[in-house]
Amino acid sequence: MTVPLLLDRGCVTRLADGLRKADELPYHLLQAAQWQELAAALAEIDVFVQLYNKRRKYELIAFWREAIGRKGAEPGTMYLVNVAFARTAPSTEELAEVTSKART
């Protein structure tokens, strides 16, 4: 899979890590019957976005079905919390400004 080139090396690393995480983590958590961790992984926005496409949507649905109803594993609720947090979280520019001011 080709990773888009970004100017910031840290962004490239995070994007590559996110792709690998979406590719491997849900499968391993499913095999280990780690239901809460599976639900949490599926609810992470970067993992959800990587799996929710034409090619992999049914893989996401299969993982989601396995997690639903397991004790303490509610990926839908976890996802909504993550989305709500992301909407209120500071932007990258705001974080960069705070970081630069903290260093001076």
N, C-alpha and C. Protein backbone atom coordinates (compact mmCIF):
# COMPACT_ATOMS: atom_id res chain seq x y z
N MET A 1 0.84 -1.17 0.00
CA MET A 1 0.00 0.00 0.00
C MET A 1 0.89 1.23 0.00
N THR A 2 0.57 2.20 -0.83
CA THR A 2 1.34 3.42 -0.93
C THR A 2 0.87 4.42 0.11
N VAL A 3 1.80 4.96 0.86
CA VAL A 3 1.49 5.97 1.87
C VAL A 3 1.73 7.33 1.24
N PRO A 4 0.73 8.24 1.28
CA PRO A 4 0.95 9.58 0.71
C PRO A 4 2.11 10.28 1.38
N LEU A 5 2.88 10.99 0.58
CA LEU A 5 4.04 11.72 1.10
C LEU A 5 3.57 13.01 1.74
N LEU A 6 3.94 13.23 2.95
CA LEU A 6 3.64 14.47 3.66
C LEU A 6 4.95 15.15 4.00
N LEU A 7 4.91 16.45 4.18
CA LEU A 7 6.14 17.19 4.45
C LEU A 7 6.76 16.86 5.80
N ASP A 8 5.94 16.61 6.77
CA ASP A 8 6.43 16.34 8.13
C ASP A 8 6.68 14.84 8.29
N ARG A 9 7.92 14.45 8.59
CA ARG A 9 8.24 13.03 8.75
C ARG A 9 7.40 12.37 9.84
N GLY A 10 7.11 13.11 10.88
CA GLY A 10 6.28 12.58 11.96
C GLY A 10 4.90 12.20 11.47
N CYS A 11 4.36 13.00 10.55
CA CYS A 11 3.05 12.68 9.98
C CYS A 11 3.12 11.39 9.16
N VAL A 12 4.19 11.21 8.40
CA VAL A 12 4.34 10.00 7.60
C VAL A 12 4.40 8.78 8.52
N THR A 13 5.17 8.89 9.59
CA THR A 13 5.29 7.79 10.54
C THR A 13 3.94 7.48 11.17
N ARG A 14 3.22 8.51 11.61
CA ARG A 14 1.92 8.28 12.24
C ARG A 14 0.94 7.67 11.25
N LEU A 15 0.96 8.11 9.98
CA LEU A 15 0.06 7.57 8.98
C LEU A 15 0.38 6.11 8.72
N ALA A 16 1.65 5.77 8.57
CA ALA A 16 2.05 4.38 8.35
C ALA A 16 1.68 3.52 9.54
N ASP A 17 1.90 4.03 10.76
CA ASP A 17 1.52 3.29 11.96
C ASP A 17 0.02 3.06 12.01
N GLY A 18 -0.76 4.08 11.63
CA GLY A 18 -2.21 3.96 11.62
C GLY A 18 -2.69 2.91 10.64
N LEU A 19 -2.06 2.84 9.47
CA LEU A 19 -2.43 1.82 8.49
C LEU A 19 -2.11 0.42 9.01
N ARG A 20 -0.95 0.27 9.59
CA ARG A 20 -0.57 -1.04 10.13
C ARG A 20 -1.47 -1.43 11.29
N LYS A 21 -1.79 -0.46 12.13
CA LYS A 21 -2.67 -0.72 13.27
C LYS A 21 -4.03 -1.21 12.78
N ALA A 22 -4.59 -0.56 11.78
CA ALA A 22 -5.89 -0.96 11.24
C ALA A 22 -5.81 -2.33 10.58
N ASP A 23 -4.67 -2.63 9.98
CA ASP A 23 -4.49 -3.91 9.31
C ASP A 23 -4.36 -5.08 10.28
N GLU A 24 -3.71 -4.87 11.40
CA GLU A 24 -3.34 -5.99 12.26
C GLU A 24 -4.04 -6.07 13.61
N LEU A 25 -4.21 -4.95 14.27
CA LEU A 25 -4.70 -4.97 15.65
C LEU A 25 -6.08 -5.62 15.82
N PRO A 26 -7.10 -5.24 15.04
CA PRO A 26 -8.41 -5.87 15.25
C PRO A 26 -8.37 -7.39 15.10
N TYR A 27 -7.64 -7.88 14.12
CA TYR A 27 -7.54 -9.33 13.92
C TYR A 27 -6.96 -10.02 15.15
N HIS A 28 -5.87 -9.49 15.66
CA HIS A 28 -5.21 -10.12 16.80
C HIS A 28 -6.06 -10.04 18.07
N LEU A 29 -6.74 -8.92 18.26
CA LEU A 29 -7.62 -8.81 19.43
C LEU A 29 -8.79 -9.77 19.33
N LEU A 30 -9.31 -9.97 18.13
CA LEU A 30 -10.39 -10.93 17.92
C LEU A 30 -9.91 -12.35 18.24
N GLN A 31 -8.75 -12.71 17.73
CA GLN A 31 -8.21 -14.04 17.98
C GLN A 31 -7.94 -14.29 19.46
N ALA A 32 -7.59 -13.23 20.18
CA ALA A 32 -7.29 -13.35 21.61
C ALA A 32 -8.53 -13.18 22.48
N ALA A 33 -9.68 -12.97 21.84
CA ALA A 33 -10.95 -12.76 22.56
C ALA A 33 -10.85 -11.60 23.55
N GLN A 34 -10.13 -10.57 23.15
CA GLN A 34 -9.99 -9.35 23.95
C GLN A 34 -11.08 -8.38 23.49
N TRP A 35 -12.31 -8.57 23.96
CA TRP A 35 -13.48 -7.89 23.43
C TRP A 35 -13.46 -6.38 23.71
N GLN A 36 -13.15 -5.98 24.92
CA GLN A 36 -13.12 -4.55 25.23
C GLN A 36 -12.04 -3.84 24.43
N GLU A 37 -10.89 -4.46 24.31
CA GLU A 37 -9.80 -3.87 23.54
C GLU A 37 -10.15 -3.81 22.05
N LEU A 38 -10.85 -4.85 21.55
CA LEU A 38 -11.29 -4.85 20.15
C LEU A 38 -12.26 -3.70 19.92
N ALA A 39 -13.24 -3.55 20.81
CA ALA A 39 -14.21 -2.45 20.67
C ALA A 39 -13.50 -1.10 20.70
N ALA A 40 -12.54 -0.94 21.61
CA ALA A 40 -11.80 0.33 21.71
C ALA A 40 -10.99 0.59 20.44
N ALA A 41 -10.37 -0.44 19.90
CA ALA A 41 -9.58 -0.28 18.68
C ALA A 41 -10.47 0.12 17.50
N LEU A 42 -11.62 -0.53 17.36
CA LEU A 42 -12.54 -0.21 16.27
C LEU A 42 -13.11 1.20 16.41
N ALA A 43 -13.22 1.66 17.65
CA ALA A 43 -13.78 2.99 17.91
C ALA A 43 -12.78 4.11 17.70
N GLU A 44 -11.51 3.78 17.56
CA GLU A 44 -10.51 4.82 17.27
C GLU A 44 -10.77 5.35 15.88
N ILE A 45 -10.83 6.64 15.77
CA ILE A 45 -11.22 7.26 14.50
C ILE A 45 -10.29 6.85 13.37
N ASP A 46 -8.98 6.83 13.59
CA ASP A 46 -8.06 6.49 12.51
C ASP A 46 -8.25 5.05 12.04
N VAL A 47 -8.49 4.13 12.96
CA VAL A 47 -8.73 2.73 12.59
C VAL A 47 -10.05 2.61 11.84
N PHE A 48 -11.10 3.25 12.36
CA PHE A 48 -12.40 3.20 11.73
C PHE A 48 -12.33 3.72 10.29
N VAL A 49 -11.68 4.85 10.11
CA VAL A 49 -11.57 5.45 8.78
C VAL A 49 -10.81 4.53 7.83
N GLN A 50 -9.74 3.90 8.31
CA GLN A 50 -8.97 2.99 7.45
C GLN A 50 -9.78 1.76 7.04
N LEU A 51 -10.66 1.30 7.92
CA LEU A 51 -11.43 0.10 7.61
C LEU A 51 -12.75 0.38 6.91
N TYR A 52 -13.25 1.61 7.01
CA TYR A 52 -14.54 1.92 6.40
C TYR A 52 -14.35 2.46 4.99
N ASN A 53 -14.15 1.55 4.07
CA ASN A 53 -14.06 1.89 2.66
C ASN A 53 -14.64 0.72 1.87
N LYS A 54 -14.81 0.87 0.56
CA LYS A 54 -15.45 -0.17 -0.25
C LYS A 54 -14.76 -1.52 -0.11
N ARG A 55 -13.46 -1.49 -0.06
CA ARG A 55 -12.69 -2.74 -0.04
C ARG A 55 -12.74 -3.44 1.32
N ARG A 56 -12.83 -2.69 2.41
CA ARG A 56 -12.68 -3.31 3.74
C ARG A 56 -13.89 -3.16 4.64
N LYS A 57 -14.96 -2.55 4.15
CA LYS A 57 -16.12 -2.27 4.98
C LYS A 57 -16.68 -3.53 5.64
N TYR A 58 -16.71 -4.62 4.92
CA TYR A 58 -17.29 -5.85 5.47
C TYR A 58 -16.39 -6.48 6.53
N GLU A 59 -15.11 -6.23 6.42
CA GLU A 59 -14.18 -6.67 7.46
C GLU A 59 -14.47 -5.90 8.76
N LEU A 60 -14.68 -4.59 8.64
CA LEU A 60 -15.03 -3.77 9.79
C LEU A 60 -16.34 -4.26 10.41
N ILE A 61 -17.33 -4.54 9.58
CA ILE A 61 -18.63 -5.01 10.07
C ILE A 61 -18.48 -6.33 10.82
N ALA A 62 -17.67 -7.23 10.30
CA ALA A 62 -17.46 -8.53 10.96
C ALA A 62 -16.81 -8.35 12.33
N PHE A 63 -15.79 -7.51 12.40
CA PHE A 63 -15.16 -7.24 13.69
C PHE A 63 -16.16 -6.61 14.66
N TRP A 64 -16.93 -5.65 14.14
CA TRP A 64 -17.90 -4.92 14.97
C TRP A 64 -18.93 -5.89 15.54
N ARG A 65 -19.43 -6.81 14.70
CA ARG A 65 -20.42 -7.79 15.16
C ARG A 65 -19.86 -8.67 16.27
N GLU A 66 -18.61 -9.03 16.16
CA GLU A 66 -17.99 -9.85 17.19
C GLU A 66 -17.91 -9.10 18.52
N ALA A 67 -17.66 -7.81 18.46
CA ALA A 67 -17.49 -7.04 19.68
C ALA A 67 -18.82 -6.69 20.35
N ILE A 68 -19.86 -6.47 19.55
CA ILE A 68 -21.16 -6.05 20.09
C ILE A 68 -21.70 -7.11 21.04
N GLY A 69 -22.18 -6.64 22.15
CA GLY A 69 -22.84 -7.53 23.10
C GLY A 69 -21.90 -8.27 24.03
N ARG A 70 -20.63 -8.17 23.81
CA ARG A 70 -19.69 -8.79 24.75
C ARG A 70 -19.62 -7.91 25.98
N LYS A 71 -19.37 -8.48 27.09
CA LYS A 71 -19.36 -7.72 28.35
C LYS A 71 -18.40 -6.53 28.28
N GLY A 72 -18.97 -5.34 28.43
CA GLY A 72 -18.17 -4.13 28.45
C GLY A 72 -17.68 -3.65 27.10
N ALA A 73 -18.05 -4.32 26.02
CA ALA A 73 -17.55 -3.95 24.70
C ALA A 73 -18.67 -3.34 23.88
N GLU A 74 -18.66 -2.04 23.75
CA GLU A 74 -19.66 -1.31 22.98
C GLU A 74 -18.95 -0.36 22.02
N PRO A 75 -18.53 -0.85 20.84
CA PRO A 75 -17.76 -0.01 19.94
C PRO A 75 -18.53 1.22 19.46
N GLY A 76 -19.84 1.12 19.29
CA GLY A 76 -20.62 2.26 18.82
C GLY A 76 -20.57 3.42 19.80
N THR A 77 -20.79 3.13 21.07
CA THR A 77 -20.74 4.16 22.10
C THR A 77 -19.33 4.74 22.19
N MET A 78 -18.32 3.87 22.16
CA MET A 78 -16.94 4.34 22.24
C MET A 78 -16.60 5.25 21.06
N TYR A 79 -17.08 4.89 19.87
CA TYR A 79 -16.81 5.70 18.67
C TYR A 79 -17.44 7.08 18.81
N LEU A 80 -18.69 7.13 19.27
CA LEU A 80 -19.36 8.43 19.43
C LEU A 80 -18.62 9.32 20.43
N VAL A 81 -18.11 8.73 21.49
CA VAL A 81 -17.32 9.50 22.46
C VAL A 81 -16.06 10.04 21.79
N ASN A 82 -15.39 9.21 21.00
CA ASN A 82 -14.16 9.64 20.31
C ASN A 82 -14.44 10.77 19.33
N VAL A 83 -15.56 10.68 18.60
CA VAL A 83 -15.92 11.72 17.63
C VAL A 83 -16.23 13.02 18.38
N ALA A 84 -16.99 12.93 19.45
CA ALA A 84 -17.31 14.12 20.23
C ALA A 84 -16.04 14.77 20.77
N PHE A 85 -15.10 13.97 21.24
CA PHE A 85 -13.84 14.51 21.74
C PHE A 85 -13.05 15.16 20.61
N ALA A 86 -13.03 14.52 19.44
CA ALA A 86 -12.27 15.05 18.31
C ALA A 86 -12.82 16.41 17.87
N ARG A 87 -14.12 16.58 17.97
CA ARG A 87 -14.72 17.86 17.58
C ARG A 87 -14.34 18.98 18.53
N THR A 88 -14.10 18.65 19.78
CA THR A 88 -13.77 19.68 20.76
C THR A 88 -12.28 19.79 21.00
N ALA A 89 -11.52 18.85 20.47
CA ALA A 89 -10.06 18.86 20.66
C ALA A 89 -9.45 20.03 19.90
N PRO A 90 -8.34 20.54 20.39
CA PRO A 90 -7.68 21.63 19.67
C PRO A 90 -7.13 21.16 18.33
N SER A 91 -7.05 22.09 17.40
CA SER A 91 -6.51 21.76 16.07
C SER A 91 -5.00 21.56 16.16
N THR A 92 -4.44 21.04 15.10
CA THR A 92 -2.99 20.85 15.03
C THR A 92 -2.27 22.18 15.17
N GLU A 93 -2.83 23.21 14.52
CA GLU A 93 -2.22 24.54 14.60
C GLU A 93 -2.24 25.07 16.03
N GLU A 94 -3.36 24.87 16.74
CA GLU A 94 -3.46 25.32 18.12
C GLU A 94 -2.45 24.59 19.01
N LEU A 95 -2.32 23.28 18.79
CA LEU A 95 -1.35 22.51 19.57
C LEU A 95 0.08 22.98 19.28
N ALA A 96 0.38 23.25 18.02
CA ALA A 96 1.71 23.73 17.65
C ALA A 96 2.00 25.08 18.30
N GLU A 97 1.00 25.95 18.33
CA GLU A 97 1.18 27.27 18.95
C GLU A 97 1.46 27.14 20.44
N VAL A 98 0.71 26.28 21.11
CA VAL A 98 0.91 26.08 22.54
C VAL A 98 2.29 25.49 22.80
N THR A 99 2.68 24.51 21.97
CA THR A 99 3.98 23.87 22.13
C THR A 99 5.11 24.88 21.94
N SER A 100 5.01 25.71 20.89
CA SER A 100 6.08 26.68 20.66
C SER A 100 6.14 27.71 21.77
N LYS A 101 5.00 28.12 22.30
CA LYS A 101 5.00 29.09 23.40
C LYS A 101 5.54 28.46 24.67
N ALA A 102 5.29 27.19 24.87
CA ALA A 102 5.79 26.51 26.06
C ALA A 102 7.30 26.36 26.04
N ARG A 103 7.88 26.30 24.85
CA ARG A 103 9.33 26.13 24.72
C ARG A 103 10.08 27.44 24.91
N THR A 104 9.38 28.56 24.79
CA THR A 104 10.07 29.86 24.91
C THR A 104 10.03 30.38 26.31
